[in-house]
Amino acid sequence: MKYNREESFRFNFNPPFPGYFTITKMKGLEGMSKMGKMEILDLSPGGVKFQSLLELPVNQDTAFSLSFTLNEENELILPGSIIWKQKKLNHYHYGFDIAEDAEKKDMIIQELKKFRKSRL
């Protein structure tokens, strides 16, 4: 799946929302790296745009897991892969494709609804 800016909806976070990532697979080896810090710029049921100070690999052989808590009840843990990278002045922006999972997509939608409602 390619990064699609015209997806049904995309929730922008201003200021960016904090979270963490781990590398779960690299060069065919599965495992869990140390957690790295990230900030979520936007979120949709199919993908995430985030920024990090770290330069991360962009290839099909590297899998990641993003974790963050929008609302106090549920931590979202999203497996997937980085599909694009953009260098900024002192950090990087990344496009993250969430692995196909209908339950995860529904959970993201519900958590975004709760998050939005709590900010009104």
N, C-alpha and C. Protein backbone atom coordinates (compact mmCIF):
# COMPACT_ATOMS: atom_id res chain seq x y z
N MET A 1 0.84 -1.18 0.00
CA MET A 1 0.00 0.00 0.00
C MET A 1 0.89 1.24 0.00
N LYS A 2 0.61 2.16 -0.87
CA LYS A 2 1.37 3.41 -0.94
C LYS A 2 0.76 4.43 0.00
N TYR A 3 1.56 5.39 0.41
CA TYR A 3 1.11 6.47 1.28
C TYR A 3 0.13 7.32 0.49
N ASN A 4 -1.09 7.46 0.96
CA ASN A 4 -2.14 8.13 0.22
C ASN A 4 -2.69 9.30 1.01
N ARG A 5 -2.36 10.50 0.61
CA ARG A 5 -2.82 11.70 1.31
C ARG A 5 -4.31 11.94 1.12
N GLU A 6 -4.94 11.23 0.19
CA GLU A 6 -6.36 11.43 -0.06
C GLU A 6 -7.20 10.33 0.58
N GLU A 7 -6.68 9.72 1.61
CA GLU A 7 -7.40 8.70 2.36
C GLU A 7 -8.68 9.32 2.93
N SER A 8 -9.62 8.49 3.37
CA SER A 8 -10.91 8.99 3.84
C SER A 8 -10.79 10.08 4.90
N PHE A 9 -9.90 9.93 5.85
CA PHE A 9 -9.63 11.02 6.79
C PHE A 9 -8.27 10.83 7.42
N ARG A 10 -7.72 11.92 7.86
CA ARG A 10 -6.39 11.93 8.47
C ARG A 10 -6.45 12.96 9.59
N PHE A 11 -6.10 12.56 10.80
CA PHE A 11 -6.16 13.46 11.96
C PHE A 11 -4.78 14.06 12.18
N ASN A 12 -4.69 15.39 12.13
CA ASN A 12 -3.42 16.09 12.35
C ASN A 12 -3.28 16.46 13.82
N PHE A 13 -2.08 16.27 14.35
CA PHE A 13 -1.79 16.63 15.74
C PHE A 13 -0.94 17.89 15.76
N ASN A 14 -1.45 18.90 16.46
CA ASN A 14 -0.70 20.14 16.61
C ASN A 14 -0.85 20.62 18.04
N PRO A 15 0.14 20.46 18.88
CA PRO A 15 1.50 20.03 18.59
C PRO A 15 1.57 18.52 18.35
N PRO A 16 2.70 18.06 17.79
CA PRO A 16 2.85 16.62 17.55
C PRO A 16 2.68 15.81 18.84
N PHE A 17 2.18 14.58 18.66
CA PHE A 17 1.85 13.70 19.79
C PHE A 17 3.00 12.73 20.04
N PRO A 18 3.48 12.59 21.29
CA PRO A 18 4.64 11.73 21.56
C PRO A 18 4.33 10.24 21.49
N GLY A 19 5.34 9.47 21.12
CA GLY A 19 5.22 8.03 21.08
C GLY A 19 6.60 7.40 20.95
N TYR A 20 6.61 6.09 20.72
CA TYR A 20 7.86 5.34 20.61
C TYR A 20 7.79 4.38 19.43
N PHE A 21 8.94 3.99 18.94
CA PHE A 21 9.01 2.97 17.90
C PHE A 21 10.07 1.95 18.30
N THR A 22 9.91 0.74 17.79
CA THR A 22 10.94 -0.29 17.90
C THR A 22 11.08 -0.94 16.53
N ILE A 23 12.27 -1.40 16.24
CA ILE A 23 12.49 -2.20 15.03
C ILE A 23 12.24 -3.65 15.44
N THR A 24 11.34 -4.31 14.71
CA THR A 24 10.97 -5.69 15.05
C THR A 24 11.56 -6.72 14.10
N LYS A 25 12.03 -6.26 12.93
CA LYS A 25 12.65 -7.19 11.98
C LYS A 25 13.59 -6.38 11.08
N MET A 26 14.80 -6.91 10.89
CA MET A 26 15.76 -6.23 10.02
C MET A 26 16.66 -7.27 9.37
N LYS A 27 16.79 -7.20 8.05
CA LYS A 27 17.63 -8.14 7.29
C LYS A 27 17.27 -9.59 7.60
N GLY A 28 15.98 -9.87 7.71
CA GLY A 28 15.51 -11.22 7.94
C GLY A 28 15.55 -11.69 9.38
N LEU A 29 16.12 -10.91 10.27
CA LEU A 29 16.21 -11.29 11.68
C LEU A 29 15.12 -10.61 12.48
N GLU A 30 14.36 -11.41 13.21
CA GLU A 30 13.30 -10.86 14.04
C GLU A 30 13.82 -10.65 15.45
N GLY A 31 13.29 -9.65 16.11
CA GLY A 31 13.69 -9.32 17.47
C GLY A 31 13.13 -7.96 17.82
N MET A 32 13.57 -7.41 18.91
CA MET A 32 13.05 -6.12 19.35
C MET A 32 14.23 -5.22 19.68
N SER A 33 14.29 -4.07 19.02
CA SER A 33 15.34 -3.10 19.32
C SER A 33 14.94 -2.31 20.56
N LYS A 34 15.84 -1.45 21.01
CA LYS A 34 15.48 -0.51 22.07
C LYS A 34 14.44 0.45 21.52
N MET A 35 13.68 1.06 22.42
CA MET A 35 12.67 2.02 21.99
C MET A 35 13.33 3.33 21.57
N GLY A 36 12.82 3.88 20.48
CA GLY A 36 13.25 5.20 20.03
C GLY A 36 12.10 6.17 20.16
N LYS A 37 12.40 7.43 20.40
CA LYS A 37 11.35 8.45 20.54
C LYS A 37 10.92 8.95 19.17
N MET A 38 9.63 9.26 19.08
CA MET A 38 9.06 9.84 17.87
C MET A 38 7.95 10.79 18.27
N GLU A 39 7.51 11.59 17.31
CA GLU A 39 6.34 12.45 17.50
C GLU A 39 5.43 12.24 16.31
N ILE A 40 4.16 11.97 16.58
CA ILE A 40 3.19 11.73 15.52
C ILE A 40 2.68 13.07 15.00
N LEU A 41 2.76 13.24 13.68
CA LEU A 41 2.27 14.45 13.04
C LEU A 41 0.83 14.27 12.58
N ASP A 42 0.52 13.09 12.02
CA ASP A 42 -0.86 12.78 11.67
C ASP A 42 -1.08 11.28 11.67
N LEU A 43 -2.37 10.91 11.75
CA LEU A 43 -2.75 9.51 11.90
C LEU A 43 -4.03 9.24 11.14
N SER A 44 -4.07 8.12 10.45
CA SER A 44 -5.29 7.64 9.80
C SER A 44 -5.37 6.14 10.07
N PRO A 45 -6.50 5.50 9.72
CA PRO A 45 -6.58 4.05 9.94
C PRO A 45 -5.55 3.25 9.14
N GLY A 46 -4.98 3.84 8.10
CA GLY A 46 -4.02 3.10 7.28
C GLY A 46 -2.57 3.51 7.43
N GLY A 47 -2.33 4.65 8.08
CA GLY A 47 -0.94 5.10 8.14
C GLY A 47 -0.69 6.20 9.15
N VAL A 48 0.60 6.46 9.36
CA VAL A 48 1.05 7.46 10.33
C VAL A 48 2.15 8.28 9.67
N LYS A 49 2.11 9.58 9.90
CA LYS A 49 3.25 10.43 9.56
C LYS A 49 3.87 10.83 10.88
N PHE A 50 5.17 10.53 11.05
CA PHE A 50 5.83 10.87 12.30
C PHE A 50 7.20 11.47 12.05
N GLN A 51 7.75 12.08 13.09
CA GLN A 51 9.09 12.64 13.00
C GLN A 51 9.95 12.08 14.11
N SER A 52 11.26 12.02 13.83
CA SER A 52 12.23 11.53 14.80
C SER A 52 13.57 12.20 14.53
N LEU A 53 14.37 12.30 15.56
CA LEU A 53 15.73 12.80 15.39
C LEU A 53 16.62 11.75 14.73
N LEU A 54 16.20 10.49 14.79
CA LEU A 54 17.00 9.38 14.28
C LEU A 54 16.72 9.12 12.80
N GLU A 55 17.76 8.76 12.07
CA GLU A 55 17.58 8.35 10.67
C GLU A 55 17.32 6.85 10.65
N LEU A 56 16.17 6.47 10.12
CA LEU A 56 15.73 5.07 10.11
C LEU A 56 15.75 4.52 8.69
N PRO A 57 15.93 3.20 8.55
CA PRO A 57 15.96 2.60 7.21
C PRO A 57 14.57 2.54 6.58
N VAL A 58 14.54 2.72 5.27
CA VAL A 58 13.30 2.62 4.51
C VAL A 58 13.48 1.49 3.51
N ASN A 59 12.98 0.30 3.86
CA ASN A 59 13.00 -0.82 2.92
C ASN A 59 12.01 -1.88 3.38
N GLN A 60 11.67 -2.76 2.45
CA GLN A 60 10.66 -3.79 2.72
C GLN A 60 11.11 -4.83 3.75
N ASP A 61 12.41 -4.98 3.95
CA ASP A 61 12.93 -5.99 4.86
C ASP A 61 12.98 -5.54 6.32
N THR A 62 12.60 -4.30 6.57
CA THR A 62 12.65 -3.77 7.94
C THR A 62 11.23 -3.51 8.42
N ALA A 63 10.87 -4.10 9.54
CA ALA A 63 9.54 -3.92 10.13
C ALA A 63 9.67 -3.16 11.45
N PHE A 64 8.67 -2.37 11.73
CA PHE A 64 8.65 -1.55 12.94
C PHE A 64 7.36 -1.78 13.70
N SER A 65 7.36 -1.32 14.92
CA SER A 65 6.15 -1.26 15.73
C SER A 65 6.12 0.13 16.37
N LEU A 66 5.02 0.85 16.16
CA LEU A 66 4.84 2.16 16.79
C LEU A 66 3.93 1.99 17.99
N SER A 67 4.21 2.69 19.07
CA SER A 67 3.34 2.61 20.26
C SER A 67 3.13 3.99 20.84
N PHE A 68 1.88 4.24 21.22
CA PHE A 68 1.50 5.51 21.81
C PHE A 68 0.12 5.36 22.45
N THR A 69 -0.22 6.29 23.30
CA THR A 69 -1.51 6.27 23.98
C THR A 69 -2.22 7.59 23.71
N LEU A 70 -3.30 7.54 22.94
CA LEU A 70 -4.07 8.75 22.66
C LEU A 70 -4.95 9.11 23.84
N ASN A 71 -5.58 8.10 24.39
CA ASN A 71 -6.47 8.26 25.53
C ASN A 71 -5.90 7.40 26.66
N GLU A 72 -6.22 7.70 27.85
CA GLU A 72 -5.58 7.03 28.98
C GLU A 72 -5.84 5.53 29.07
N GLU A 73 -6.87 5.04 28.39
CA GLU A 73 -7.25 3.64 28.55
C GLU A 73 -6.42 2.66 27.73
N ASN A 74 -6.19 2.96 26.45
CA ASN A 74 -5.61 1.97 25.55
C ASN A 74 -4.31 2.44 24.90
N GLU A 75 -3.30 1.59 24.99
CA GLU A 75 -2.07 1.86 24.24
C GLU A 75 -2.25 1.26 22.85
N LEU A 76 -1.99 2.05 21.83
CA LEU A 76 -2.03 1.55 20.47
C LEU A 76 -0.64 1.05 20.10
N ILE A 77 -0.58 -0.17 19.62
CA ILE A 77 0.68 -0.75 19.14
C ILE A 77 0.43 -1.15 17.69
N LEU A 78 1.12 -0.45 16.78
CA LEU A 78 0.84 -0.61 15.36
C LEU A 78 2.05 -1.18 14.62
N PRO A 79 1.94 -2.40 14.11
CA PRO A 79 3.02 -2.97 13.31
C PRO A 79 2.93 -2.45 11.88
N GLY A 80 4.08 -2.36 11.22
CA GLY A 80 4.08 -1.92 9.83
C GLY A 80 5.48 -1.60 9.36
N SER A 81 5.54 -0.77 8.32
CA SER A 81 6.85 -0.43 7.75
C SER A 81 6.88 1.02 7.30
N ILE A 82 8.08 1.56 7.28
CA ILE A 82 8.28 2.92 6.79
C ILE A 82 8.36 2.86 5.27
N ILE A 83 7.58 3.71 4.61
CA ILE A 83 7.56 3.67 3.14
C ILE A 83 8.17 4.91 2.50
N TRP A 84 8.39 5.95 3.28
CA TRP A 84 9.12 7.11 2.76
C TRP A 84 9.78 7.87 3.90
N LYS A 85 10.79 8.64 3.54
CA LYS A 85 11.56 9.42 4.52
C LYS A 85 11.87 10.77 3.88
N GLN A 86 11.81 11.82 4.70
CA GLN A 86 12.15 13.16 4.23
C GLN A 86 13.03 13.84 5.27
N LYS A 87 14.20 14.27 4.85
CA LYS A 87 15.14 14.95 5.76
C LYS A 87 14.66 16.38 5.97
N LYS A 88 14.61 16.79 7.22
CA LYS A 88 14.31 18.17 7.58
C LYS A 88 15.58 18.77 8.16
N LEU A 89 15.50 19.96 8.71
CA LEU A 89 16.68 20.66 9.20
C LEU A 89 17.46 19.83 10.23
N ASN A 90 16.79 19.41 11.31
CA ASN A 90 17.49 18.65 12.36
C ASN A 90 16.76 17.37 12.76
N HIS A 91 15.87 16.90 11.89
CA HIS A 91 15.14 15.66 12.15
C HIS A 91 14.66 15.08 10.82
N TYR A 92 13.91 13.98 10.90
CA TYR A 92 13.39 13.31 9.71
C TYR A 92 11.88 13.14 9.85
N HIS A 93 11.17 13.25 8.73
CA HIS A 93 9.76 12.90 8.66
C HIS A 93 9.65 11.55 7.97
N TYR A 94 8.70 10.73 8.44
CA TYR A 94 8.51 9.39 7.89
C TYR A 94 7.05 9.12 7.59
N GLY A 95 6.81 8.37 6.53
CA GLY A 95 5.49 7.83 6.23
C GLY A 95 5.48 6.37 6.63
N PHE A 96 4.53 5.99 7.46
CA PHE A 96 4.46 4.63 8.01
C PHE A 96 3.18 3.97 7.54
N ASP A 97 3.31 2.81 6.93
CA ASP A 97 2.18 2.03 6.46
C ASP A 97 1.83 0.99 7.52
N ILE A 98 0.63 1.09 8.08
CA ILE A 98 0.19 0.15 9.11
C ILE A 98 -0.17 -1.18 8.44
N ALA A 99 0.31 -2.28 9.01
CA ALA A 99 0.00 -3.61 8.48
C ALA A 99 -1.52 -3.81 8.45
N GLU A 100 -2.00 -4.45 7.39
CA GLU A 100 -3.44 -4.68 7.22
C GLU A 100 -4.01 -5.46 8.41
N ASP A 101 -4.96 -4.86 9.10
CA ASP A 101 -5.60 -5.49 10.24
C ASP A 101 -6.89 -4.72 10.53
N ALA A 102 -8.03 -5.33 10.22
CA ALA A 102 -9.31 -4.66 10.38
C ALA A 102 -9.57 -4.24 11.83
N GLU A 103 -9.17 -5.07 12.79
CA GLU A 103 -9.37 -4.73 14.20
C GLU A 103 -8.56 -3.50 14.59
N LYS A 104 -7.32 -3.42 14.12
CA LYS A 104 -6.47 -2.26 14.43
C LYS A 104 -7.07 -0.99 13.83
N LYS A 105 -7.56 -1.10 12.59
CA LYS A 105 -8.17 0.07 11.94
C LYS A 105 -9.38 0.56 12.73
N ASP A 106 -10.22 -0.37 13.16
CA ASP A 106 -11.39 0.01 13.97
C ASP A 106 -10.95 0.64 15.28
N MET A 107 -9.92 0.08 15.91
CA MET A 107 -9.43 0.63 17.17
C MET A 107 -8.90 2.05 16.97
N ILE A 108 -8.18 2.28 15.88
CA ILE A 108 -7.66 3.63 15.60
C ILE A 108 -8.81 4.61 15.44
N ILE A 109 -9.83 4.22 14.70
CA ILE A 109 -10.99 5.10 14.49
C ILE A 109 -11.65 5.43 15.83
N GLN A 110 -11.87 4.41 16.66
CA GLN A 110 -12.51 4.63 17.96
C GLN A 110 -11.65 5.52 18.86
N GLU A 111 -10.35 5.28 18.88
CA GLU A 111 -9.46 6.09 19.72
C GLU A 111 -9.39 7.53 19.22
N LEU A 112 -9.40 7.74 17.91
CA LEU A 112 -9.40 9.10 17.38
C LEU A 112 -10.69 9.83 17.72
N LYS A 113 -11.82 9.12 17.67
CA LYS A 113 -13.10 9.73 18.05
C LYS A 113 -13.08 10.16 19.51
N LYS A 114 -12.59 9.27 20.39
CA LYS A 114 -12.50 9.62 21.82
C LYS A 114 -11.56 10.79 22.04
N PHE A 115 -10.42 10.78 21.35
CA PHE A 115 -9.43 11.85 21.48
C PHE A 115 -10.03 13.18 21.07
N ARG A 116 -10.69 13.20 19.93
CA ARG A 116 -11.31 14.43 19.42
C ARG A 116 -12.38 14.93 20.38
N LYS A 117 -13.21 14.01 20.86
CA LYS A 117 -14.29 14.38 21.78
C LYS A 117 -13.73 14.97 23.08
N SER A 118 -12.62 14.43 23.56
CA SER A 118 -12.02 14.92 24.81
C SER A 118 -11.40 16.30 24.64
N ARG A 119 -11.16 16.72 23.41
CA ARG A 119 -10.53 18.03 23.16
C ARG A 119 -11.56 19.12 22.87
N LEU A 120 -12.84 18.77 22.78
CA LEU A 120 -13.89 19.77 22.50
C LEU A 120 -14.28 20.55 23.73
